[in-house]
């Protein structure tokens, strides 16, 4: 019989984790205001947001979906047949994101991508792709003769090319592009579930699924280009898992192509290597590695042959980054303020989940193939740590780190059973509160 003393850490760990997350979030909000710190993140650090309480057309649908999700999501994720679950996950996730965005009316969908800082205006003006790629690096510096808009300059051209494709397909209006991004973003939890099944942990993937779909991250998935990045990254890892599970050359090459494309979306996404290695460790299969590397190099080198060598662009971007707001945003705040922003995005339940997962993460380091979910969570944590200490992500990580959030939320698998429904309700309530109280700019 287990003594109360032996079970106490298991009982108290999630409370300590939740408390730590909440304290971190409160401190990140309160300290700049109390001490007059200029942290350069709009008016509501650690989020790039403004205080703006409101309701709108999406409020009632969001409340209705919140009730449905809080009541049935846990049982549906456990019991629905596989294909029906995948379809419902996508449909419900998209509806949830649309309802949240529509709190601000149609502008909640078309307002962000239509900003002059974003990609669409440049995509519409792009008539010669070869010329664009050849001049791309020269236009990154802010003092160049024709500098790119902020987000175009801050990312490799894969992101711009995605929106150029939408424009050429007739999907390039602000509204339609916003809808496309949301529909793609809604596939992210589907990809995570596919990866879990391929790695032999479908039941654990089902247990985590409601927390991935209903996390506050949905606010930034509707609508930011980073939500598209997150979806592409998730499918890259899912296809890698399929390549490993099936020893398939085709899936492995496809994984490499998709992951190679993610490198052309954001300079920070090579950090997905942590998660890619974790997938192979968990699968006990290095078979896909060579094919995936070939696929990834093919994409990166194709961009280089067309005029954009990624490795030459990175130092130029680094210089522009440090010539801008990065030099004004204090590392003494953002090294931990970033983590607070992540807690807002993933939800404070992430703290409870990671604390509950502690022993499992230690076991995963020792025996990766026997603790699949644990090794994926460890890799996600390492990815965030690397992104944070690089200082190339100061502020705005509530959207920049979207590709890492679903893999961190796999840690909800380790929550005690009595925490699951209240924890999900907490996440849903946090999402509704953030969307109705803050204007997030994304």
Protein backbone atom coordinates (compact mmCIF):
# COMPACT_ATOMS: atom_id res chain seq x y z
CA UNK A 1 0.00 0.00 0.00
CA UNK A 2 1.37 3.42 -0.95
CA UNK A 3 1.76 5.82 1.93
CA UNK A 4 0.30 9.36 1.84
CA UNK A 5 3.85 10.71 2.02
CA UNK A 6 4.80 8.78 -1.12
CA UNK A 7 1.83 10.09 -3.10
CA UNK A 8 2.12 13.69 -1.92
CA UNK A 9 4.55 14.89 -4.65
CA UNK A 10 2.20 13.54 -7.32
CA UNK A 11 -0.69 15.42 -5.71
CA UNK A 12 1.07 18.73 -5.15
CA UNK A 13 3.26 18.96 -8.28
CA UNK A 14 0.53 20.30 -10.59
CA UNK A 15 -0.46 22.91 -8.00
CA UNK A 16 3.13 24.09 -7.75
CA UNK A 17 3.43 24.20 -11.53
CA UNK A 18 0.18 26.10 -11.96
CA UNK A 19 1.16 28.51 -9.22
CA UNK A 20 4.56 29.13 -10.79
CA UNK A 21 2.96 29.86 -14.18
CA UNK A 22 0.44 32.27 -12.68
CA UNK A 23 3.12 34.07 -10.62
CA UNK A 24 5.30 34.38 -13.72
CA UNK A 25 2.42 35.83 -15.72
CA UNK A 26 1.43 38.28 -12.98
CA UNK A 27 5.01 39.45 -12.45
CA UNK A 28 5.53 39.95 -16.17
CA UNK A 29 2.47 42.22 -16.22
CA UNK A 30 2.98 43.99 -12.91
CA UNK A 31 6.71 44.68 -12.68
CA UNK A 32 7.04 46.89 -15.80
CA UNK A 33 3.99 48.90 -14.69
CA UNK A 34 5.14 49.18 -11.07
CA UNK A 35 8.71 50.21 -11.85
CA UNK A 36 8.19 52.09 -15.11
CA UNK A 37 10.27 49.66 -17.17
CA UNK A 38 10.27 50.44 -20.87
CA UNK A 39 10.19 46.94 -22.33
CA UNK A 40 8.92 48.00 -25.76
CA UNK A 41 5.93 45.70 -26.16
CA UNK A 42 2.88 47.86 -26.73
CA UNK A 43 0.89 48.66 -23.57
CA UNK A 44 0.30 45.22 -22.04
CA UNK A 45 3.60 43.35 -21.67
CA UNK A 46 4.55 40.56 -21.89
CA UNK A 47 2.01 40.37 -24.71
CA UNK A 48 2.06 42.63 -27.73
CA UNK A 49 -1.43 43.85 -26.85
CA UNK A 50 -3.62 46.65 -25.55
CA UNK A 51 -6.28 46.58 -22.85
CA UNK A 52 -9.59 46.80 -24.74
CA UNK A 53 -12.60 45.05 -23.15
CA UNK A 54 -15.30 44.35 -25.75
CA UNK A 55 -17.83 41.91 -27.14
CA UNK A 56 -18.70 41.34 -30.76
CA UNK A 57 -20.36 39.10 -33.35
CA UNK A 58 -18.15 36.16 -32.43
CA UNK A 59 -18.87 36.30 -28.70
CA UNK A 60 -22.00 34.13 -28.62
CA UNK A 61 -20.60 31.48 -31.02
CA UNK A 62 -17.39 31.39 -28.98
CA UNK A 63 -19.36 30.91 -25.75
CA UNK A 64 -21.42 28.15 -27.35
CA UNK A 65 -18.33 26.35 -28.63
CA UNK A 66 -16.68 26.81 -25.24
CA UNK A 67 -19.61 25.01 -23.58
CA UNK A 68 -19.49 22.22 -26.17
CA UNK A 69 -15.74 21.86 -25.82
CA UNK A 70 -15.76 21.94 -22.03
CA UNK A 71 -18.59 19.40 -21.86
CA UNK A 72 -17.77 16.88 -24.58
CA UNK A 73 -14.24 17.37 -25.90
CA UNK A 74 -12.55 15.00 -23.44
CA UNK A 75 -14.96 12.12 -24.06
CA UNK A 76 -15.13 12.73 -27.83
CA UNK A 77 -11.35 12.66 -28.12
CA UNK A 78 -11.27 9.32 -26.32
CA UNK A 79 -14.18 7.59 -28.04
CA UNK A 80 -14.69 8.81 -31.61
CA UNK A 81 -13.52 6.60 -34.48
CA UNK A 82 -10.20 7.71 -35.96
CA UNK A 83 -11.28 9.38 -39.20
CA UNK A 84 -14.29 11.03 -37.60
CA UNK A 85 -12.06 12.38 -34.85
CA UNK A 86 -9.63 13.87 -37.37
CA UNK A 87 -12.44 15.55 -39.29
CA UNK A 88 -14.17 16.86 -36.17
CA UNK A 89 -10.88 18.16 -34.76
CA UNK A 90 -10.32 20.22 -37.89
CA UNK A 91 -13.90 21.50 -38.15
CA UNK A 92 -14.25 22.33 -34.46
CA UNK A 93 -10.78 23.92 -34.30
CA UNK A 94 -11.53 26.13 -37.30
CA UNK A 95 -14.92 27.13 -35.90
CA UNK A 96 -13.33 27.97 -32.54
CA UNK A 97 -10.66 30.15 -34.17
CA UNK A 98 -13.17 31.91 -36.43
CA UNK A 99 -15.50 32.65 -33.52
CA UNK A 100 -12.65 34.16 -31.51
CA UNK A 101 -11.48 36.28 -34.42
CA UNK A 102 -15.05 37.46 -35.11
CA UNK A 103 -15.27 39.03 -31.67
CA UNK A 104 -13.76 41.94 -33.64
CA UNK A 105 -16.08 41.40 -36.59
CA UNK A 106 -14.76 40.70 -40.07
CA UNK A 107 -11.73 42.88 -39.28
CA UNK A 108 -10.66 40.15 -36.89
CA UNK A 109 -10.01 37.97 -39.93
CA UNK A 110 -8.90 40.41 -42.62
CA UNK A 111 -7.34 43.17 -40.54
CA UNK A 112 -4.07 41.52 -39.59
CA UNK A 113 -2.81 40.22 -42.92
CA UNK A 114 -3.87 43.47 -44.55
CA UNK A 115 -1.45 45.42 -42.37
CA UNK A 116 1.40 47.22 -44.16
CA UNK A 117 3.83 45.28 -41.94
CA UNK A 118 2.64 41.93 -43.28
CA UNK A 119 3.15 39.92 -46.48
CA UNK A 120 0.04 40.39 -48.60
CA UNK A 121 0.74 43.86 -49.97
CA UNK A 122 4.21 42.80 -51.06
CA UNK A 123 2.83 39.54 -52.45
CA UNK A 124 0.36 41.43 -54.62
CA UNK A 125 3.17 43.64 -55.94
CA UNK A 126 5.43 40.66 -56.76
CA UNK A 127 5.38 40.03 -60.49
CA UNK A 128 8.85 38.53 -61.00
CA UNK A 129 9.72 35.82 -58.49
CA UNK A 130 13.27 35.37 -59.76
CA UNK A 131 14.01 39.09 -59.44
CA UNK A 132 12.43 39.15 -55.99
CA UNK A 133 14.61 36.30 -54.73
CA UNK A 134 17.77 37.80 -56.24
CA UNK A 135 17.22 41.16 -54.55
CA UNK A 136 15.80 39.74 -51.33
CA UNK A 137 18.92 39.98 -49.18
CA UNK A 138 19.86 43.45 -50.40
CA UNK A 139 16.47 44.75 -49.24
CA UNK A 140 16.62 43.35 -45.71
CA UNK A 141 18.56 46.27 -44.13
CA UNK A 142 16.28 49.07 -42.98
CA UNK A 143 18.57 51.64 -44.59
CA UNK A 144 18.51 50.00 -48.04
CA UNK A 145 17.08 51.98 -50.95
CA UNK A 146 13.83 49.97 -50.91
CA UNK A 147 13.61 48.05 -47.63
CA UNK A 148 11.08 45.29 -47.20
CA UNK A 149 8.19 45.70 -44.75
CA UNK A 150 9.04 44.51 -41.25
CA UNK A 151 7.76 40.95 -41.46
CA UNK A 152 9.00 40.35 -45.00
CA UNK A 153 12.46 41.55 -44.00
CA UNK A 154 12.39 39.48 -40.83
CA UNK A 155 11.70 36.15 -42.54
CA UNK A 156 13.15 34.14 -45.40
CA UNK A 157 11.16 34.34 -48.66
CA UNK A 158 9.24 31.10 -48.17
CA UNK A 159 6.67 33.05 -46.19
CA UNK A 160 6.28 35.69 -48.90
CA UNK A 161 6.10 33.01 -51.60
CA UNK A 162 3.19 31.34 -49.81
CA UNK A 163 1.19 34.55 -50.08
CA UNK A 164 2.34 35.12 -53.66
CA UNK A 165 0.87 31.69 -54.42
CA UNK A 166 -2.42 32.67 -52.77
CA UNK A 167 -2.54 35.85 -54.85
CA UNK A 168 -1.92 33.91 -58.07
CA UNK A 169 -4.62 31.41 -57.15
CA UNK A 170 -7.09 34.25 -56.69
CA UNK A 171 -7.05 33.84 -52.90
CA UNK A 172 -5.06 36.98 -52.16
CA UNK A 173 -7.66 39.34 -50.70
CA UNK A 174 -7.19 40.19 -47.02
CA UNK A 175 -10.32 38.27 -46.03
CA UNK A 176 -9.79 35.16 -48.16
CA UNK A 177 -6.12 34.89 -47.18
CA UNK A 178 -7.14 35.16 -43.53
CA UNK A 179 -9.66 32.35 -43.99
CA UNK A 180 -7.03 30.17 -45.68
CA UNK A 181 -4.57 30.74 -42.82
CA UNK A 182 -7.19 29.78 -40.22
CA UNK A 183 -8.16 26.64 -42.13
CA UNK A 184 -4.50 25.63 -42.32
CA UNK A 185 -3.92 26.47 -38.65
CA UNK A 186 -6.82 24.19 -37.70
CA UNK A 187 -4.90 21.24 -39.15
CA UNK A 188 -2.09 21.61 -36.60
CA UNK A 189 -3.69 19.44 -33.87
CA UNK A 190 -4.63 16.92 -36.58
CA UNK A 191 -0.95 16.63 -37.51
CA UNK A 192 0.04 16.20 -33.87
CA UNK A 193 -2.50 13.40 -33.51
CA UNK A 194 -1.26 11.72 -36.71
CA UNK A 195 2.30 11.86 -35.37
CA UNK A 196 1.20 10.36 -32.06
CA UNK A 197 -0.53 7.46 -33.79
CA UNK A 198 2.46 6.79 -36.04
CA UNK A 199 4.69 6.66 -32.97
CA UNK A 200 2.39 4.20 -31.21
CA UNK A 201 0.89 6.58 -28.66
CA UNK A 202 -2.51 7.29 -30.17
CA UNK A 203 -4.28 7.05 -26.80
CA UNK A 204 -1.96 9.63 -25.27
CA UNK A 205 -2.42 11.85 -28.32
CA UNK A 206 -6.18 11.62 -27.87
CA UNK A 207 -5.83 12.59 -24.20
CA UNK A 208 -3.84 15.70 -25.08
CA UNK A 209 -5.94 16.69 -28.09
CA UNK A 210 -8.61 18.86 -26.37
CA UNK A 211 -5.90 20.87 -24.62
CA UNK A 212 -4.12 21.50 -27.92
CA UNK A 213 -7.30 22.58 -29.74
CA UNK A 214 -8.73 24.78 -26.98
CA UNK A 215 -5.56 26.46 -25.72
CA UNK A 216 -5.34 30.28 -25.84
CA UNK A 217 -2.93 29.82 -28.77
CA UNK A 218 -6.08 29.77 -30.92
CA UNK A 219 -6.23 33.56 -30.52
CA UNK A 220 -2.92 34.01 -32.33
CA UNK A 221 -3.63 31.25 -34.81
CA UNK A 222 -6.51 33.44 -36.03
CA UNK A 223 -4.98 35.20 -37.83
CA UNK A 224 -1.18 35.34 -38.03
CA UNK A 225 1.23 34.04 -40.62
CA UNK A 226 3.01 32.22 -37.80
CA UNK A 227 -0.06 29.99 -37.50
CA UNK A 228 0.64 28.81 -41.03
CA UNK A 229 4.27 28.22 -40.05
CA UNK A 230 3.07 26.09 -37.11
CA UNK A 231 0.87 23.97 -39.34
CA UNK A 232 3.65 23.35 -41.86
CA UNK A 233 6.04 22.44 -39.04
CA UNK A 234 3.52 20.05 -37.48
CA UNK A 235 2.94 18.24 -40.76
CA UNK A 236 6.68 18.02 -41.34
CA UNK A 237 7.09 16.22 -38.02
CA UNK A 238 4.00 14.07 -38.64
CA UNK A 239 5.29 12.88 -42.00
CA UNK A 240 8.67 12.19 -40.43
CA UNK A 241 6.92 10.01 -37.85
CA UNK A 242 5.12 8.18 -40.66
CA UNK A 243 8.41 7.67 -42.48
CA UNK A 244 9.98 6.24 -39.36
CA UNK A 245 7.03 4.01 -38.48
CA UNK A 246 6.61 2.62 -41.98
CA UNK A 247 10.25 2.74 -43.08
CA UNK A 248 8.96 4.62 -46.10
CA UNK A 249 11.26 6.44 -48.48
CA UNK A 250 8.34 8.48 -49.80
CA UNK A 251 7.15 9.73 -46.41
CA UNK A 252 10.75 10.41 -45.35
CA UNK A 253 11.50 12.49 -48.45
CA UNK A 254 8.22 14.36 -48.05
CA UNK A 255 9.09 15.08 -44.43
CA UNK A 256 12.41 16.52 -45.52
CA UNK A 257 10.76 18.72 -48.15
CA UNK A 258 8.20 20.05 -45.67
CA UNK A 259 10.78 20.63 -42.93
CA UNK A 260 13.10 22.22 -45.47
CA UNK A 261 10.31 24.57 -46.41
CA UNK A 262 9.83 25.52 -42.75
CA UNK A 263 13.44 26.73 -42.76
CA UNK A 264 12.46 29.15 -45.53
CA UNK A 265 9.52 30.41 -43.46
CA UNK A 266 11.39 31.58 -40.36
CA UNK A 267 15.02 31.87 -39.33
CA UNK A 268 14.11 30.35 -35.98
CA UNK A 269 12.55 27.16 -37.28
CA UNK A 270 15.79 25.20 -37.76
CA UNK A 271 15.30 24.68 -34.01
CA UNK A 272 12.71 22.09 -35.02
CA UNK A 273 15.73 19.81 -35.32
CA UNK A 274 15.25 19.06 -31.60
CA UNK A 275 11.76 17.73 -32.28
CA UNK A 276 12.79 15.93 -35.46
CA UNK A 277 15.52 14.05 -33.59
CA UNK A 278 13.02 13.32 -30.80
CA UNK A 279 10.65 11.74 -33.34
CA UNK A 280 13.41 9.45 -34.59
CA UNK A 281 14.52 8.58 -31.06
CA UNK A 282 10.96 7.78 -30.05
CA UNK A 283 10.47 5.63 -33.14
CA UNK A 284 13.83 3.89 -32.69
CA UNK A 285 14.34 4.42 -36.42
CA UNK A 286 17.09 6.40 -38.10
CA UNK A 287 16.02 5.11 -41.51
CA UNK A 288 14.29 8.40 -42.54
CA UNK A 289 17.22 10.63 -41.61
CA UNK A 290 19.20 10.49 -44.84
CA UNK A 291 16.14 10.85 -47.05
CA UNK A 292 14.78 13.69 -44.93
CA UNK A 293 18.10 15.54 -45.10
CA UNK A 294 18.14 15.14 -48.88
CA UNK A 295 14.58 16.50 -49.12
CA UNK A 296 15.32 19.45 -46.85
CA UNK A 297 18.54 20.35 -48.66
CA UNK A 298 16.74 20.16 -51.99
CA UNK A 299 14.36 22.92 -50.87
CA UNK A 300 17.00 25.16 -49.31
CA UNK A 301 19.39 24.75 -52.24
CA UNK A 302 16.60 25.38 -54.75
CA UNK A 303 15.96 28.74 -53.09
CA UNK A 304 19.72 29.39 -53.23
CA UNK A 305 19.87 28.53 -56.92
CA UNK A 306 16.96 30.91 -57.56
CA UNK A 307 18.78 33.74 -55.82
CA UNK A 308 18.31 33.38 -52.06
CA UNK A 309 21.14 31.66 -50.15
CA UNK A 310 19.69 31.28 -46.63
CA UNK A 311 23.10 31.24 -44.94
CA UNK A 312 24.01 34.62 -46.43
CA UNK A 313 20.73 36.19 -45.39
CA UNK A 314 20.90 35.23 -41.70
CA UNK A 315 23.76 37.57 -40.70
CA UNK A 316 22.14 40.43 -42.62
CA UNK A 317 18.88 39.85 -40.79
CA UNK A 318 20.77 39.59 -37.50
CA UNK A 319 22.25 43.03 -38.10
CA UNK A 320 18.86 44.57 -38.94
CA UNK A 321 17.30 42.91 -35.90
CA UNK A 322 19.85 44.39 -33.52
CA UNK A 323 19.64 47.79 -35.22
CA UNK A 324 15.92 47.88 -34.45
CA UNK A 325 13.71 47.26 -31.42
CA UNK A 326 15.84 44.32 -30.25
CA UNK A 327 18.51 46.73 -29.04
CA UNK A 328 15.87 48.59 -26.98
CA UNK A 329 14.14 45.56 -25.48
CA UNK A 330 15.99 44.65 -22.25
CA UNK A 331 17.19 41.04 -22.03
CA UNK A 332 16.90 41.32 -18.23
CA UNK A 333 13.12 41.34 -18.73
CA UNK A 334 12.57 39.34 -21.90
CA UNK A 335 14.58 36.27 -20.93
CA UNK A 336 11.78 35.52 -18.46
CA UNK A 337 9.08 37.75 -19.97
CA UNK A 338 9.14 35.53 -23.06
CA UNK A 339 8.28 32.55 -20.88
CA UNK A 340 5.41 34.48 -19.35
CA UNK A 341 4.12 35.28 -22.86
CA UNK A 342 4.38 31.57 -23.65
CA UNK A 343 2.29 30.81 -20.55
CA UNK A 344 -0.40 33.17 -21.83
CA UNK A 345 -0.31 31.52 -25.25
CA UNK A 346 -0.25 27.89 -24.12
CA UNK A 347 -2.34 28.63 -21.04
CA UNK A 348 -1.31 28.51 -17.37
CA UNK A 349 -2.23 24.82 -17.28
CA UNK A 350 1.06 24.22 -19.10
CA UNK A 351 2.83 24.87 -15.80
CA UNK A 352 0.75 22.21 -14.05
CA UNK A 353 1.28 19.77 -16.90
CA UNK A 354 5.06 20.20 -17.02
CA UNK A 355 5.32 19.86 -13.25
CA UNK A 356 3.25 16.67 -13.37
CA UNK A 357 5.41 15.40 -16.22
CA UNK A 358 8.69 15.84 -14.32
CA UNK A 359 9.43 12.17 -13.51
CA UNK A 360 8.30 11.09 -16.97
CA UNK A 361 10.63 13.59 -18.63
CA UNK A 362 13.56 12.26 -16.63
CA UNK A 363 12.64 8.73 -17.69
CA UNK A 364 12.33 9.90 -21.30
CA UNK A 365 15.89 11.20 -21.29
CA UNK A 366 17.09 7.79 -20.10
CA UNK A 367 14.92 5.64 -22.38
CA UNK A 368 13.47 7.74 -25.22
CA UNK A 369 11.87 4.87 -27.13
CA UNK A 370 9.92 3.76 -24.05
CA UNK A 371 8.59 7.22 -23.21
CA UNK A 372 7.49 8.68 -26.53
CA UNK A 373 5.39 11.58 -25.25
CA UNK A 374 8.02 12.44 -22.68
CA UNK A 375 10.80 12.68 -25.25
CA UNK A 376 8.68 14.92 -27.49
CA UNK A 377 7.95 17.23 -24.56
CA UNK A 378 11.63 17.32 -23.58
CA UNK A 379 12.52 18.28 -27.16
CA UNK A 380 9.87 21.01 -27.16
CA UNK A 381 11.24 22.41 -23.89
CA UNK A 382 14.79 22.40 -25.29
CA UNK A 383 13.52 24.17 -28.41
CA UNK A 384 11.97 26.96 -26.33
CA UNK A 385 15.07 27.29 -24.15
CA UNK A 386 17.29 27.57 -27.22
CA UNK A 387 14.98 30.15 -28.80
CA UNK A 388 14.88 32.15 -25.58
CA UNK A 389 18.60 32.25 -24.78
CA UNK A 390 19.45 33.09 -28.40
CA UNK A 391 17.89 36.53 -27.74
CA UNK A 392 16.56 36.42 -31.29
CA UNK A 393 13.06 36.27 -29.82
CA UNK A 394 12.46 39.27 -27.62
CA UNK A 395 8.72 39.83 -27.24
CA UNK A 396 5.90 38.71 -29.55
CA UNK A 397 6.69 35.07 -28.82
CA UNK A 398 2.98 34.42 -28.25
CA UNK A 399 2.88 34.16 -32.06
CA UNK A 400 6.54 33.42 -32.91
CA UNK A 401 6.59 30.27 -30.77
CA UNK A 402 3.29 28.89 -32.06
CA UNK A 403 5.13 26.01 -33.83
CA UNK A 404 6.39 24.77 -30.45
CA UNK A 405 3.19 25.12 -28.39
CA UNK A 406 1.27 21.95 -29.44
CA UNK A 407 4.25 19.76 -28.63
CA UNK A 408 4.62 21.38 -25.21
CA UNK A 409 0.92 20.76 -24.58
CA UNK A 410 1.44 17.02 -25.04
CA UNK A 411 2.56 17.25 -21.41
CA UNK A 412 -1.14 17.47 -20.44
CA UNK A 413 -1.14 13.70 -20.86
CA UNK A 414 0.56 13.53 -17.46
CA UNK A 415 -2.02 15.57 -15.55
CA UNK A 416 -3.83 13.68 -12.78
CA UNK A 417 -7.28 12.56 -13.90
CA UNK A 418 -9.09 14.92 -11.55
CA UNK A 419 -7.25 17.84 -13.13
CA UNK A 420 -8.35 17.18 -16.67
CA UNK A 421 -11.83 18.69 -16.87
CA UNK A 422 -11.16 21.63 -14.53
CA UNK A 423 -7.88 22.21 -16.37
CA UNK A 424 -9.62 22.26 -19.74
CA UNK A 425 -12.22 24.69 -18.39
CA UNK A 426 -9.40 26.88 -17.13
CA UNK A 427 -7.82 26.92 -20.58
CA UNK A 428 -11.11 27.76 -22.27
CA UNK A 429 -11.86 30.50 -19.77
CA UNK A 430 -8.40 31.96 -20.24
CA UNK A 431 -8.88 32.00 -24.01
CA UNK A 432 -12.23 33.77 -23.80
CA UNK A 433 -10.94 36.30 -21.27
CA UNK A 434 -7.84 37.17 -23.29
CA UNK A 435 -9.77 37.60 -26.54
CA UNK A 436 -12.46 39.79 -24.96
CA UNK A 437 -10.17 41.90 -22.77
CA UNK A 438 -7.09 42.45 -24.96
CA UNK A 439 -6.49 43.67 -28.49
CA UNK A 440 -3.60 41.47 -29.55
CA UNK A 441 -2.53 43.05 -32.88
CA UNK A 442 -2.14 39.60 -34.45
